[in-house]
Amino acid sequence: MLIRKSTLDDLHSIQYLYQTVARVSGGIARKEHEITEVYIQNFLTKSLANGCSIVAEEEGQIVAEVHTYSLGIECFKHMLGDTTICVHPDFQGKGLGKKVFTALLDYVMQERKDILRVELHARSSNPKAIELYKKIGFKEEGRAEGRVLDPDGSIVADVPMGWLNPAFSGVTRITV
């Protein structure tokens, strides 16, 4: 298994991965028809320009991807958001998600000391994802009730979560 940074050349392989995962109910929060080339190109371009995208390859096939990027707003320049992870169904439950996500956070700690915070949102109906995020250091920061329409038609809470970079060296004063 090769874990590496993504490139624009990975676009179609990442699109195929996301479409495959979108076919499985309860996976990513997008339907297959929403996984367009434009959607993938948008987040991949932003991630490569001012964030990070990591993939896992098995025998030349991309089987996992995680990305995050700057929101492009000055008051949020110390954080990365729109964080998303996608793991091929055949590779779920085997620790791969944790490996690629840890690689992304390691990158932030080593290469992006200007970043204090990485944030994401998880559906309350996806407890496995929430547990993974907690294991790698994310903390739940509340609930947005009635925010997400699940594939089965139920409306569930969105759980905002955040991770703070222990290697952050951007500002001298942080108020909590």
C-alpha atoms as a PDB file:
ATOM      1  CA  MET A   1       0.000   0.000   0.000  1.00  0.00           C
ATOM      2  CA  LEU A   2       1.386   3.365  -1.055  1.00  0.00           C
ATOM      3  CA  ILE A   3       0.233   6.495   0.802  1.00  0.00           C
ATOM      4  CA  ARG A   4       1.210   9.746  -0.918  1.00  0.00           C
ATOM      5  CA  LYS A   5       0.155  13.279  -1.741  1.00  0.00           C
ATOM      6  CA  SER A   6      -2.343  13.594  -4.575  1.00  0.00           C
ATOM      7  CA  THR A   7      -1.685  15.256  -7.911  1.00  0.00           C
ATOM      8  CA  LEU A   8      -4.019  16.617 -10.579  1.00  0.00           C
ATOM      9  CA  ASP A   9      -3.235  13.457 -12.564  1.00  0.00           C
ATOM     10  CA  ASP A  10      -5.232  11.546  -9.913  1.00  0.00           C
ATOM     11  CA  LEU A  11      -8.471  13.385 -10.745  1.00  0.00           C
ATOM     12  CA  HIS A  12     -10.250  10.602 -12.658  1.00  0.00           C
ATOM     13  CA  SER A  13      -9.109   7.870 -10.270  1.00  0.00           C
ATOM     14  CA  ILE A  14     -10.383   9.915  -7.310  1.00  0.00           C
ATOM     15  CA  GLN A  15     -13.660  10.512  -9.157  1.00  0.00           C
ATOM     16  CA  TYR A  16     -14.061   6.770  -9.703  1.00  0.00           C
ATOM     17  CA  LEU A  17     -13.351   6.117  -6.001  1.00  0.00           C
ATOM     18  CA  TYR A  18     -15.929   8.690  -4.869  1.00  0.00           C
ATOM     19  CA  GLN A  19     -18.555   7.357  -7.296  1.00  0.00           C
ATOM     20  CA  THR A  20     -17.938   3.809  -6.036  1.00  0.00           C
ATOM     21  CA  VAL A  21     -18.312   4.877  -2.399  1.00  0.00           C
ATOM     22  CA  ALA A  22     -21.394   6.999  -3.190  1.00  0.00           C
ATOM     23  CA  ARG A  23     -23.202   3.844  -4.364  1.00  0.00           C
ATOM     24  CA  VAL A  24     -23.071   2.496  -0.785  1.00  0.00           C
ATOM     25  CA  SER A  25     -25.722   3.944   1.513  1.00  0.00           C
ATOM     26  CA  GLY A  26     -24.321   5.711   4.564  1.00  0.00           C
ATOM     27  CA  GLY A  27     -20.937   6.444   3.009  1.00  0.00           C
ATOM     28  CA  ILE A  28     -20.052   9.912   1.799  1.00  0.00           C
ATOM     29  CA  ALA A  29     -22.670  12.646   1.911  1.00  0.00           C
ATOM     30  CA  ARG A  30     -23.050  12.861  -1.857  1.00  0.00           C
ATOM     31  CA  LYS A  31     -24.982  10.827  -4.362  1.00  0.00           C
ATOM     32  CA  GLU A  32     -23.231   9.241  -7.329  1.00  0.00           C
ATOM     33  CA  HIS A  33     -24.608  11.764  -9.838  1.00  0.00           C
ATOM     34  CA  GLU A  34     -23.129  14.603  -7.749  1.00  0.00           C
ATOM     35  CA  ILE A  35     -19.606  13.215  -8.123  1.00  0.00           C
ATOM     36  CA  THR A  36     -18.724  15.061 -11.301  1.00  0.00           C
ATOM     37  CA  GLU A  37     -15.331  15.874 -12.753  1.00  0.00           C
ATOM     38  CA  VAL A  38     -15.970  19.528 -11.852  1.00  0.00           C
ATOM     39  CA  TYR A  39     -16.680  18.600  -8.199  1.00  0.00           C
ATOM     40  CA  ILE A  40     -13.450  16.581  -7.906  1.00  0.00           C
ATOM     41  CA  GLN A  41     -11.392  19.176  -9.776  1.00  0.00           C
ATOM     42  CA  ASN A  42     -12.717  21.916  -7.482  1.00  0.00           C
ATOM     43  CA  PHE A  43     -11.682  20.312  -4.195  1.00  0.00           C
ATOM     44  CA  LEU A  44      -8.483  18.804  -5.606  1.00  0.00           C
ATOM     45  CA  THR A  45      -7.312  22.141  -7.026  1.00  0.00           C
ATOM     46  CA  LYS A  46      -8.058  23.951  -3.737  1.00  0.00           C
ATOM     47  CA  SER A  47      -6.388  21.209  -1.691  1.00  0.00           C
ATOM     48  CA  LEU A  48      -3.231  21.226  -3.798  1.00  0.00           C
ATOM     49  CA  ALA A  49      -3.054  25.040  -3.808  1.00  0.00           C
ATOM     50  CA  ASN A  50      -3.624  25.778  -0.129  1.00  0.00           C
ATOM     51  CA  GLY A  51      -4.271  22.609   1.831  1.00  0.00           C
ATOM     52  CA  CYS A  52      -3.501  18.947   1.327  1.00  0.00           C
ATOM     53  CA  SER A  53      -4.866  15.842  -0.385  1.00  0.00           C
ATOM     54  CA  ILE A  54      -3.552  12.371   0.436  1.00  0.00           C
ATOM     55  CA  VAL A  55      -4.330   9.133  -1.413  1.00  0.00           C
ATOM     56  CA  ALA A  56      -3.721   5.457  -0.751  1.00  0.00           C
ATOM     57  CA  GLU A  57      -2.898   3.262  -3.732  1.00  0.00           C
ATOM     58  CA  GLU A  58      -3.144  -0.498  -3.936  1.00  0.00           C
ATOM     59  CA  GLU A  59      -1.781  -2.101  -7.115  1.00  0.00           C
ATOM     60  CA  GLY A  60      -2.092   1.200  -8.986  1.00  0.00           C
ATOM     61  CA  GLN A  61      -5.694   1.819  -7.905  1.00  0.00           C
ATOM     62  CA  ILE A  62      -6.588   4.705  -5.587  1.00  0.00           C
ATOM     63  CA  VAL A  63      -8.550   3.141  -2.732  1.00  0.00           C
ATOM     64  CA  ALA A  64      -8.707   6.070  -0.290  1.00  0.00           C
ATOM     65  CA  GLU A  65      -8.464   9.851  -0.384  1.00  0.00           C
ATOM     66  CA  VAL A  66      -8.625  12.589   2.264  1.00  0.00           C
ATOM     67  CA  HIS A  67      -8.425  16.319   1.655  1.00  0.00           C
ATOM     68  CA  THR A  68      -8.725  19.685   3.359  1.00  0.00           C
ATOM     69  CA  TYR A  69      -8.062  23.254   2.281  1.00  0.00           C
ATOM     70  CA  SER A  70      -8.123  26.896   3.294  1.00  0.00           C
ATOM     71  CA  LEU A  71     -11.475  28.630   3.071  1.00  0.00           C
ATOM     72  CA  GLY A  72      -9.756  31.661   1.522  1.00  0.00           C
ATOM     73  CA  ILE A  73     -11.021  34.133   4.133  1.00  0.00           C
ATOM     74  CA  GLU A  74      -8.467  36.193   6.067  1.00  0.00           C
ATOM     75  CA  CYS A  75      -9.981  35.633   9.518  1.00  0.00           C
ATOM     76  CA  PHE A  76      -9.798  31.854   8.911  1.00  0.00           C
ATOM     77  CA  LYS A  77      -6.255  31.752   7.523  1.00  0.00           C
ATOM     78  CA  HIS A  78      -5.134  29.666  10.526  1.00  0.00           C
ATOM     79  CA  MET A  79      -7.472  26.789   9.676  1.00  0.00           C
ATOM     80  CA  LEU A  80      -8.306  24.201   7.034  1.00  0.00           C
ATOM     81  CA  GLY A  81     -11.835  22.994   6.386  1.00  0.00           C
ATOM     82  CA  ASP A  82     -14.197  21.138   4.078  1.00  0.00           C
ATOM     83  CA  THR A  83     -12.253  18.081   5.215  1.00  0.00           C
ATOM     84  CA  THR A  84     -13.507  14.895   3.550  1.00  0.00           C
ATOM     85  CA  ILE A  85     -12.348  11.285   3.587  1.00  0.00           C
ATOM     86  CA  CYS A  86     -13.369   8.530   1.194  1.00  0.00           C
ATOM     87  CA  VAL A  87     -12.362   4.857   1.490  1.00  0.00           C
ATOM     88  CA  HIS A  88     -13.286   2.166  -1.036  1.00  0.00           C
ATOM     89  CA  PRO A  89     -15.861  -0.265   0.456  1.00  0.00           C
ATOM     90  CA  ASP A  90     -13.476  -3.229   0.027  1.00  0.00           C
ATOM     91  CA  PHE A  91     -10.917  -1.454   2.230  1.00  0.00           C
ATOM     92  CA  GLN A  92     -13.185  -0.084   4.956  1.00  0.00           C
ATOM     93  CA  GLY A  93     -12.806  -1.356   8.514  1.00  0.00           C
ATOM     94  CA  LYS A  94      -9.126  -2.268   8.008  1.00  0.00           C
ATOM     95  CA  GLY A  95      -7.454   0.845   9.412  1.00  0.00           C
ATOM     96  CA  LEU A  96      -6.817   2.509   6.058  1.00  0.00           C
ATOM     97  CA  GLY A  97      -8.939   5.558   6.837  1.00  0.00           C
ATOM     98  CA  LYS A  98      -6.929   6.111  10.000  1.00  0.00           C
ATOM     99  CA  LYS A  99      -3.642   5.756   8.064  1.00  0.00           C
ATOM    100  CA  VAL A 100      -4.470   8.301   5.353  1.00  0.00           C
ATOM    101  CA  PHE A 101      -6.036  10.736   7.808  1.00  0.00           C
ATOM    102  CA  THR A 102      -2.999  10.457  10.100  1.00  0.00           C
ATOM    103  CA  ALA A 103      -0.767  11.157   7.082  1.00  0.00           C
ATOM    104  CA  LEU A 104      -2.765  14.321   6.402  1.00  0.00           C
ATOM    105  CA  LEU A 105      -2.491  15.496  10.025  1.00  0.00           C
ATOM    106  CA  ASP A 106       1.231  14.635  10.055  1.00  0.00           C
ATOM    107  CA  TYR A 107       1.636  16.842   6.981  1.00  0.00           C
ATOM    108  CA  VAL A 108      -0.121  19.707   8.776  1.00  0.00           C
ATOM    109  CA  MET A 109       2.095  19.285  11.864  1.00  0.00           C
ATOM    110  CA  GLN A 110       5.331  19.095   9.869  1.00  0.00           C
ATOM    111  CA  GLU A 111       4.733  21.372   6.898  1.00  0.00           C
ATOM    112  CA  ARG A 112       1.925  23.745   7.932  1.00  0.00           C
ATOM    113  CA  LYS A 113       2.835  25.165  11.317  1.00  0.00           C
ATOM    114  CA  ASP A 114       0.782  28.220  10.267  1.00  0.00           C
ATOM    115  CA  ILE A 115      -2.362  26.064  10.598  1.00  0.00           C
ATOM    116  CA  LEU A 116      -3.866  25.786  14.066  1.00  0.00           C
ATOM    117  CA  ARG A 117      -7.103  24.021  13.234  1.00  0.00           C
ATOM    118  CA  VAL A 118      -8.514  21.382  10.902  1.00  0.00           C
ATOM    119  CA  GLU A 119     -12.270  21.028  10.969  1.00  0.00           C
ATOM    120  CA  LEU A 120     -14.869  18.671   9.547  1.00  0.00           C
ATOM    121  CA  HIS A 121     -18.525  17.731   9.823  1.00  0.00           C
ATOM    122  CA  ALA A 122     -19.813  14.200  10.381  1.00  0.00           C
ATOM    123  CA  ARG A 123     -23.385  12.944  10.151  1.00  0.00           C
ATOM    124  CA  SER A 124     -24.706  11.735  13.496  1.00  0.00           C
ATOM    125  CA  SER A 125     -25.932   8.644  11.642  1.00  0.00           C
ATOM    126  CA  ASN A 126     -22.315   7.664  10.901  1.00  0.00           C
ATOM    127  CA  PRO A 127     -20.940   6.652  14.326  1.00  0.00           C
ATOM    128  CA  LYS A 128     -17.996   4.750  12.790  1.00  0.00           C
ATOM    129  CA  ALA A 129     -16.732   7.959  11.185  1.00  0.00           C
ATOM    130  CA  ILE A 130     -17.180   9.937  14.406  1.00  0.00           C
ATOM    131  CA  GLU A 131     -15.274   7.274  16.339  1.00  0.00           C
ATOM    132  CA  LEU A 132     -12.425   7.338  13.781  1.00  0.00           C
ATOM    133  CA  TYR A 133     -12.154  11.119  14.028  1.00  0.00           C
ATOM    134  CA  LYS A 134     -12.061  10.956  17.831  1.00  0.00           C
ATOM    135  CA  LYS A 135      -9.309   8.283  17.717  1.00  0.00           C
ATOM    136  CA  ILE A 136      -7.065  10.569  15.668  1.00  0.00           C
ATOM    137  CA  GLY A 137      -7.622  13.566  17.933  1.00  0.00           C
ATOM    138  CA  PHE A 138     -10.720  15.396  16.733  1.00  0.00           C
ATOM    139  CA  LYS A 139     -13.179  16.649  19.347  1.00  0.00           C
ATOM    140  CA  GLU A 140     -16.932  16.997  18.979  1.00  0.00           C
ATOM    141  CA  GLU A 141     -17.934  20.644  19.113  1.00  0.00           C
ATOM    142  CA  GLY A 142     -21.717  20.444  19.200  1.00  0.00           C
ATOM    143  CA  ARG A 143     -24.594  19.340  16.994  1.00  0.00           C
ATOM    144  CA  ALA A 144     -26.531  21.019  14.230  1.00  0.00           C
ATOM    145  CA  GLU A 145     -29.892  19.287  14.564  1.00  0.00           C
ATOM    146  CA  GLY A 146     -31.951  18.664  11.426  1.00  0.00           C
ATOM    147  CA  ARG A 147     -29.153  19.606   9.022  1.00  0.00           C
ATOM    148  CA  VAL A 148     -28.460  16.504   6.889  1.00  0.00           C
ATOM    149  CA  LEU A 149     -30.862  14.522   4.726  1.00  0.00           C
ATOM    150  CA  ASP A 150     -29.696  10.900   4.867  1.00  0.00           C
ATOM    151  CA  PRO A 151     -30.142   8.583   1.850  1.00  0.00           C
ATOM    152  CA  ASP A 152     -33.016   6.779   3.626  1.00  0.00           C
ATOM    153  CA  GLY A 153     -34.977  10.051   3.841  1.00  0.00           C
ATOM    154  CA  SER A 154     -34.371  10.720   7.541  1.00  0.00           C
ATOM    155  CA  ILE A 155     -32.996  14.050   8.652  1.00  0.00           C
ATOM    156  CA  VAL A 156     -30.104  13.805  11.105  1.00  0.00           C
ATOM    157  CA  ALA A 157     -27.748  16.075  13.010  1.00  0.00           C
ATOM    158  CA  ASP A 158     -24.448  17.278  11.673  1.00  0.00           C
ATOM    159  CA  VAL A 159     -21.618  16.968  14.202  1.00  0.00           C
ATOM    160  CA  PRO A 160     -18.919  19.645  13.855  1.00  0.00           C
ATOM    161  CA  MET A 161     -15.500  18.417  14.943  1.00  0.00           C
ATOM    162  CA  GLY A 162     -12.112  20.088  15.251  1.00  0.00           C
ATOM    163  CA  TRP A 163      -8.459  19.120  15.645  1.00  0.00           C
ATOM    164  CA  LEU A 164      -5.807  21.526  16.945  1.00  0.00           C
ATOM    165  CA  ASN A 165      -2.273  21.340  15.593  1.00  0.00           C
ATOM    166  CA  PRO A 166       0.197  20.846  18.477  1.00  0.00           C
ATOM    167  CA  ALA A 167       2.983  22.222  16.261  1.00  0.00           C
ATOM    168  CA  PHE A 168       1.167  25.504  15.510  1.00  0.00           C
ATOM    169  CA  SER A 169       3.430  28.545  15.640  1.00  0.00           C
ATOM    170  CA  GLY A 170       1.358  31.204  13.858  1.00  0.00           C
ATOM    171  CA  VAL A 171       0.293  33.610  16.604  1.00  0.00           C
ATOM    172  CA  THR A 172       1.298  34.067  20.186  1.00  0.00           C
ATOM    173  CA  ARG A 173      -2.147  34.519  21.738  1.00  0.00           C
ATOM    174  CA  ILE A 174      -5.004  32.018  21.528  1.00  0.00           C
ATOM    175  CA  THR A 175      -8.202  32.724  23.459  1.00  0.00           C
ATOM    176  CA  VAL A 176     -10.610  29.903  24.244  1.00  0.00           C
END
